[in-house]
């Protein structure tokens, strides 16, 4: 019988006390994410840490440890691994604090611009310094892109909304996928965090931001992390604000690519966002249906609103635009 969450917590506490020799005074839940990982804040008399519980039959911890080491070499502010038991899925990490970007962005409007400038700077650094590691990452290739786009088709359209695709619909969907996949594969390749957004960035007094949840990093499209951050599934901003920050990123990061023009960059930014948001909407539906995590479903309308805003600019996305406006959003109880 698999371990219950309580028994794993007990085992984690024993590991901390016996193996890492910490004098643990309290072990309290810190956060959960959309995976099967759990995080606990570890209190001792004079310090605090984060302990990760990642059941090895469900989550691999080795990529986290490996990428954490690369982030340290790049000089990025991210959790450092202090102790590990990969066989049991336990890690002891440094603690980057308790303030997510999302909380600060929602409640401290005077800090929004500076927080995004910090996050843009860290992303520029990740892509620049990450070039020495990116070829050792899994590729964000056609097979992975195809699987991810299938999440929208299978979990949101199919399982959640029970939408029926005619043979013509299926052909148009496949053409849409091919268009988005080709757009992703023709972009300049960089180190991609793959989930760079307001819930995975922490506000830090020094070396802001702290960067979390990087274990799924891949080598992929230059604009993917940028659009994840600026067209965030959890908070949205005026078009002019997003456009200005995207252009700033281009000016700061793309001089090394003289053949890569701003117009192409902005097109890539749009299409990476469509691919990203279709994937995210499918994952949110899967989290509710498969994993019993219904809280993410409320973010689907915002996530798909980005697609609806971009799709009319591209004739190749006409079917997708109609599908979302006429069938998906009404199926979710949202106005067309």
Protein backbone atom coordinates (compact mmCIF):
# COMPACT_ATOMS: atom_id res chain seq x y z
CA UNK A 1 0.00 0.00 0.00
CA UNK A 2 1.44 3.43 -0.90
CA UNK A 3 2.39 5.76 1.90
CA UNK A 4 -0.27 8.15 3.11
CA UNK A 5 0.61 11.86 3.26
CA UNK A 6 0.89 11.60 7.07
CA UNK A 7 3.28 8.67 6.98
CA UNK A 8 5.47 10.46 4.45
CA UNK A 9 5.50 13.55 6.63
CA UNK A 10 6.57 11.41 9.58
CA UNK A 11 9.32 9.80 7.51
CA UNK A 12 10.46 13.22 6.30
CA UNK A 13 10.67 14.48 9.87
CA UNK A 14 12.73 11.46 10.93
CA UNK A 15 15.05 11.98 7.97
CA UNK A 16 15.55 15.62 8.89
CA UNK A 17 16.35 14.77 12.51
CA UNK A 18 18.40 11.61 11.97
CA UNK A 19 20.14 12.18 8.63
CA UNK A 20 20.57 15.94 8.40
CA UNK A 21 21.00 16.32 12.17
CA UNK A 22 18.71 19.33 12.31
CA UNK A 23 17.17 20.11 15.66
CA UNK A 24 13.69 20.48 14.21
CA UNK A 25 11.29 22.43 16.42
CA UNK A 26 8.40 22.72 13.98
CA UNK A 27 7.51 21.32 10.57
CA UNK A 28 4.63 23.19 8.96
CA UNK A 29 3.10 23.04 5.47
CA UNK A 30 4.66 25.70 3.26
CA UNK A 31 2.87 25.12 -0.06
CA UNK A 32 1.65 22.58 -2.56
CA UNK A 33 1.99 22.86 -6.30
CA UNK A 34 0.17 21.32 -9.23
CA UNK A 35 2.32 18.20 -9.06
CA UNK A 36 2.48 15.60 -6.31
CA UNK A 37 5.25 17.47 -4.48
CA UNK A 38 4.70 19.00 -1.08
CA UNK A 39 6.79 21.58 0.69
CA UNK A 40 7.25 22.10 4.42
CA UNK A 41 8.87 24.96 6.29
CA UNK A 42 11.37 23.61 8.80
CA UNK A 43 12.01 25.65 11.92
CA UNK A 44 15.01 25.20 14.18
CA UNK A 45 16.03 27.43 17.09
CA UNK A 46 18.04 29.76 14.90
CA UNK A 47 17.10 29.17 11.25
CA UNK A 48 14.43 27.96 8.86
CA UNK A 49 14.57 25.81 5.76
CA UNK A 50 12.30 24.20 3.18
CA UNK A 51 11.88 20.42 2.99
CA UNK A 52 10.52 18.89 -0.20
CA UNK A 53 8.52 15.67 -0.20
CA UNK A 54 8.37 14.25 -3.74
CA UNK A 55 7.05 10.65 -3.81
CA UNK A 56 9.57 8.88 -6.08
CA UNK A 57 6.92 6.76 -7.80
CA UNK A 58 5.26 9.99 -8.97
CA UNK A 59 8.00 12.65 -9.15
CA UNK A 60 11.69 12.52 -10.01
CA UNK A 61 13.87 14.66 -7.77
CA UNK A 62 17.14 14.27 -9.67
CA UNK A 63 16.26 16.94 -12.30
CA UNK A 64 15.53 19.42 -9.50
CA UNK A 65 18.93 18.78 -7.92
CA UNK A 66 20.74 19.01 -11.25
CA UNK A 67 19.05 22.21 -12.42
CA UNK A 68 19.43 23.78 -8.96
CA UNK A 69 23.18 23.29 -9.32
CA UNK A 70 23.16 25.00 -12.71
CA UNK A 71 21.13 27.92 -11.35
CA UNK A 72 23.72 28.34 -8.63
CA UNK A 73 26.51 28.39 -11.23
CA UNK A 74 24.56 31.01 -13.21
CA UNK A 75 24.29 33.22 -10.14
CA UNK A 76 20.49 33.10 -10.07
CA UNK A 77 18.61 33.28 -6.79
CA UNK A 78 16.99 29.88 -6.35
CA UNK A 79 16.80 27.25 -3.60
CA UNK A 80 20.11 25.56 -2.87
CA UNK A 81 20.07 21.85 -2.11
CA UNK A 82 21.53 21.29 1.37
CA UNK A 83 20.77 17.56 1.70
CA UNK A 84 19.08 14.92 -0.43
CA UNK A 85 17.66 11.42 -0.34
CA UNK A 86 16.63 10.80 -3.93
CA UNK A 87 15.53 7.26 -3.21
CA UNK A 88 12.85 8.47 -0.84
CA UNK A 89 12.21 11.76 -2.59
CA UNK A 90 13.33 14.05 0.24
CA UNK A 91 15.28 17.29 -0.20
CA UNK A 92 16.38 19.95 2.26
CA UNK A 93 16.53 23.40 0.67
CA UNK A 94 17.30 26.99 1.54
CA UNK A 95 14.21 29.12 2.19
CA UNK A 96 13.45 32.07 -0.12
CA UNK A 97 10.72 33.47 2.08
CA UNK A 98 6.95 33.51 2.01
CA UNK A 99 5.97 36.30 -0.41
CA UNK A 100 5.02 35.12 -3.89
CA UNK A 101 5.15 37.59 -6.74
CA UNK A 102 1.42 37.02 -7.18
CA UNK A 103 0.67 38.32 -3.68
CA UNK A 104 2.88 41.38 -4.10
CA UNK A 105 1.52 42.17 -7.56
CA UNK A 106 -2.05 42.04 -6.25
CA UNK A 107 -1.51 44.04 -3.06
CA UNK A 108 1.41 46.40 -3.72
CA UNK A 109 0.64 48.23 -6.97
CA UNK A 110 3.48 50.71 -6.49
CA UNK A 111 5.97 47.83 -6.80
CA UNK A 112 4.58 46.18 -9.94
CA UNK A 113 6.94 47.78 -12.44
CA UNK A 114 10.08 47.21 -10.37
CA UNK A 115 9.09 43.59 -9.71
CA UNK A 116 8.69 42.94 -13.43
CA UNK A 117 11.96 44.68 -14.24
CA UNK A 118 13.70 42.38 -11.76
CA UNK A 119 12.02 39.31 -13.24
CA UNK A 120 12.93 40.39 -16.77
CA UNK A 121 16.53 40.89 -15.71
CA UNK A 122 16.67 37.42 -14.17
CA UNK A 123 15.21 35.91 -17.34
CA UNK A 124 17.77 37.68 -19.52
CA UNK A 125 20.48 36.27 -17.24
CA UNK A 126 18.95 32.78 -17.37
CA UNK A 127 19.03 32.77 -21.16
CA UNK A 128 22.51 34.29 -21.39
CA UNK A 129 24.23 32.22 -18.70
CA UNK A 130 22.10 29.16 -19.40
CA UNK A 131 23.56 28.79 -22.87
CA UNK A 132 26.38 26.70 -21.36
CA UNK A 133 23.86 24.17 -20.01
CA UNK A 134 20.94 24.24 -22.43
CA UNK A 135 22.08 21.41 -24.70
CA UNK A 136 22.12 19.12 -21.65
CA UNK A 137 18.41 19.73 -21.12
CA UNK A 138 15.63 17.67 -22.70
CA UNK A 139 14.54 19.29 -25.97
CA UNK A 140 11.21 21.05 -26.27
CA UNK A 141 10.69 19.08 -29.45
CA UNK A 142 7.81 18.21 -31.74
CA UNK A 143 6.78 15.19 -29.69
CA UNK A 144 6.56 17.16 -26.43
CA UNK A 145 4.75 20.08 -28.08
CA UNK A 146 2.26 17.67 -29.62
CA UNK A 147 1.56 16.01 -26.26
CA UNK A 148 1.08 19.36 -24.59
CA UNK A 149 -1.35 20.69 -27.17
CA UNK A 150 -3.24 17.43 -26.84
CA UNK A 151 -4.01 18.31 -23.22
CA UNK A 152 -6.38 21.05 -24.39
CA UNK A 153 -8.05 18.79 -26.93
CA UNK A 154 -8.35 15.75 -24.67
CA UNK A 155 -8.89 17.11 -21.15
CA UNK A 156 -10.69 20.41 -21.59
CA UNK A 157 -12.57 19.97 -24.84
CA UNK A 158 -13.09 16.21 -24.60
CA UNK A 159 -13.29 15.07 -20.98
CA UNK A 160 -14.42 18.26 -19.23
CA UNK A 161 -16.76 19.80 -21.83
CA UNK A 162 -17.57 16.64 -23.84
CA UNK A 163 -17.24 18.54 -27.11
CA UNK A 164 -17.54 16.41 -30.23
CA UNK A 165 -15.11 17.06 -33.07
CA UNK A 166 -16.26 16.24 -36.58
CA UNK A 167 -13.72 14.84 -39.01
CA UNK A 168 -13.40 18.35 -40.42
CA UNK A 169 -12.86 19.77 -36.95
CA UNK A 170 -10.18 17.19 -36.30
CA UNK A 171 -8.33 18.11 -39.49
CA UNK A 172 -8.52 21.81 -38.69
CA UNK A 173 -7.31 21.14 -35.15
CA UNK A 174 -4.34 19.19 -36.47
CA UNK A 175 -3.47 22.01 -38.88
CA UNK A 176 -3.65 24.46 -35.99
CA UNK A 177 -1.29 22.31 -33.94
CA UNK A 178 1.13 22.01 -36.84
CA UNK A 179 1.18 25.80 -37.23
CA UNK A 180 1.89 26.36 -33.53
CA UNK A 181 4.50 23.61 -33.33
CA UNK A 182 6.39 24.94 -36.35
CA UNK A 183 6.28 28.45 -34.88
CA UNK A 184 7.85 27.14 -31.66
CA UNK A 185 10.52 25.05 -33.37
CA UNK A 186 11.75 27.87 -35.62
CA UNK A 187 12.49 30.27 -32.76
CA UNK A 188 16.01 30.75 -31.36
CA UNK A 189 16.74 28.04 -28.77
CA UNK A 190 17.46 28.93 -25.15
CA UNK A 191 17.36 27.55 -21.61
CA UNK A 192 13.62 27.47 -20.81
CA UNK A 193 12.44 27.39 -17.19
CA UNK A 194 9.03 26.30 -18.52
CA UNK A 195 6.87 27.68 -15.69
CA UNK A 196 8.17 31.21 -15.17
CA UNK A 197 5.22 33.06 -13.65
CA UNK A 198 3.95 34.87 -10.56
CA UNK A 199 3.45 31.75 -8.44
CA UNK A 200 6.99 30.53 -9.03
CA UNK A 201 8.78 33.82 -8.36
CA UNK A 202 9.40 34.95 -4.79
CA UNK A 203 9.93 38.53 -3.62
CA UNK A 204 13.36 38.75 -1.97
CA UNK A 205 15.05 41.73 -0.34
CA UNK A 206 18.33 40.82 -1.99
CA UNK A 207 18.86 39.47 -5.49
CA UNK A 208 15.18 39.60 -6.40
CA UNK A 209 13.44 37.45 -7.58
CA UNK A 210 13.83 34.03 -6.05
CA UNK A 211 13.04 31.41 -8.68
CA UNK A 212 11.20 28.17 -7.89
CA UNK A 213 9.88 25.07 -9.68
CA UNK A 214 12.56 24.81 -12.36
CA UNK A 215 12.89 21.03 -12.48
CA UNK A 216 11.04 20.69 -15.81
CA UNK A 217 13.46 22.96 -17.69
CA UNK A 218 14.02 22.26 -21.37
CA UNK A 219 15.87 23.69 -24.35
CA UNK A 220 13.22 25.52 -26.30
CA UNK A 221 11.74 28.70 -27.73
CA UNK A 222 13.19 32.06 -26.72
CA UNK A 223 9.82 33.72 -26.03
CA UNK A 224 8.21 30.91 -24.01
CA UNK A 225 9.24 32.01 -20.50
CA UNK A 226 8.63 35.66 -21.34
CA UNK A 227 5.03 35.09 -22.37
CA UNK A 228 4.49 32.81 -19.36
CA UNK A 229 5.42 35.77 -17.16
CA UNK A 230 3.74 38.65 -19.00
CA UNK A 231 0.56 36.84 -20.04
CA UNK A 232 0.29 35.08 -16.72
CA UNK A 233 -2.47 32.53 -16.12
CA UNK A 234 -3.00 33.94 -12.61
CA UNK A 235 -2.98 37.72 -13.15
CA UNK A 236 -3.44 39.95 -16.19
CA UNK A 237 -2.28 43.41 -17.23
CA UNK A 238 -3.20 46.04 -19.84
CA UNK A 239 -2.00 45.30 -23.36
CA UNK A 240 0.17 48.43 -23.44
CA UNK A 241 2.00 47.42 -20.27
CA UNK A 242 2.70 43.90 -21.57
CA UNK A 243 3.81 45.19 -24.97
CA UNK A 244 6.24 47.68 -23.41
CA UNK A 245 7.84 45.00 -21.22
CA UNK A 246 8.08 42.55 -24.12
CA UNK A 247 9.85 45.16 -26.24
CA UNK A 248 12.18 45.97 -23.34
CA UNK A 249 13.10 42.29 -23.09
CA UNK A 250 13.84 42.22 -26.83
CA UNK A 251 16.07 45.27 -26.54
CA UNK A 252 17.90 43.83 -23.52
CA UNK A 253 18.34 40.26 -24.70
CA UNK A 254 18.35 39.93 -28.47
CA UNK A 255 21.29 42.07 -29.61
CA UNK A 256 23.25 38.82 -29.81
CA UNK A 257 20.84 37.73 -32.55
CA UNK A 258 21.19 40.40 -35.27
CA UNK A 259 19.05 38.46 -37.76
CA UNK A 260 16.19 38.22 -35.25
CA UNK A 261 14.02 41.26 -35.84
CA UNK A 262 11.50 42.76 -33.44
CA UNK A 263 8.52 42.02 -35.69
CA UNK A 264 9.42 38.32 -35.75
CA UNK A 265 10.01 38.37 -32.01
CA UNK A 266 6.54 39.83 -31.36
CA UNK A 267 4.95 37.23 -33.62
CA UNK A 268 6.82 34.49 -31.79
CA UNK A 269 5.70 35.99 -28.48
CA UNK A 270 2.07 35.78 -29.60
CA UNK A 271 2.28 32.21 -30.86
CA UNK A 272 4.28 30.89 -27.92
CA UNK A 273 1.54 32.31 -25.75
CA UNK A 274 -1.19 30.50 -27.67
CA UNK A 275 0.66 27.19 -27.34
CA UNK A 276 1.39 27.83 -23.66
CA UNK A 277 -2.17 28.83 -22.80
CA UNK A 278 -3.80 25.91 -24.60
CA UNK A 279 -1.53 23.58 -22.65
CA UNK A 280 -2.25 25.34 -19.36
CA UNK A 281 -6.03 25.25 -19.90
CA UNK A 282 -5.81 21.52 -20.55
CA UNK A 283 -3.69 20.99 -17.44
CA UNK A 284 -6.16 22.95 -15.31
CA UNK A 285 -8.97 20.69 -16.51
CA UNK A 286 -6.87 17.59 -15.83
CA UNK A 287 -6.04 18.81 -12.33
CA UNK A 288 -9.75 18.98 -11.54
CA UNK A 289 -10.78 15.71 -13.18
CA UNK A 290 -7.83 13.43 -12.46
CA UNK A 291 -6.27 14.92 -9.35
CA UNK A 292 -9.25 16.47 -7.55
CA UNK A 293 -7.69 19.96 -7.59
CA UNK A 294 -10.64 22.06 -8.70
CA UNK A 295 -9.16 25.40 -7.68
CA UNK A 296 -7.28 25.84 -10.94
CA UNK A 297 -10.40 25.70 -13.11
CA UNK A 298 -11.28 29.32 -12.28
CA UNK A 299 -8.12 30.38 -14.13
CA UNK A 300 -9.17 28.80 -17.44
CA UNK A 301 -11.23 31.78 -18.71
CA UNK A 302 -8.35 34.21 -18.11
CA UNK A 303 -5.93 31.79 -19.71
CA UNK A 304 -8.07 31.37 -22.82
CA UNK A 305 -8.79 35.10 -23.03
CA UNK A 306 -5.18 35.54 -24.12
CA UNK A 307 -5.77 33.12 -26.99
CA UNK A 308 -8.97 34.89 -28.01
CA UNK A 309 -7.12 38.21 -28.05
CA UNK A 310 -4.30 36.91 -30.25
CA UNK A 311 -6.05 34.49 -32.61
CA UNK A 312 -7.79 37.09 -34.83
CA UNK A 313 -4.36 38.40 -35.88
CA UNK A 314 -3.46 35.10 -37.55
CA UNK A 315 -5.62 33.46 -40.26
CA UNK A 316 -4.12 30.09 -39.32
CA UNK A 317 -5.86 30.36 -35.93
CA UNK A 318 -9.37 31.03 -37.26
CA UNK A 319 -10.64 27.56 -36.31
CA UNK A 320 -9.16 27.87 -32.82
CA UNK A 321 -10.73 31.31 -32.37
CA UNK A 322 -14.16 30.00 -33.31
CA UNK A 323 -13.77 26.89 -31.17
CA UNK A 324 -12.95 28.89 -28.05
CA UNK A 325 -15.46 31.71 -28.54
CA UNK A 326 -18.39 29.62 -29.75
CA UNK A 327 -17.95 26.36 -27.87
CA UNK A 328 -15.33 26.30 -25.09
CA UNK A 329 -16.12 29.52 -23.22
CA UNK A 330 -19.90 28.97 -23.39
CA UNK A 331 -19.29 25.41 -22.19
CA UNK A 332 -17.51 26.88 -19.17
CA UNK A 333 -20.45 29.19 -18.52
CA UNK A 334 -18.64 32.25 -19.86
CA UNK A 335 -20.12 34.74 -22.34
CA UNK A 336 -18.90 34.47 -25.92
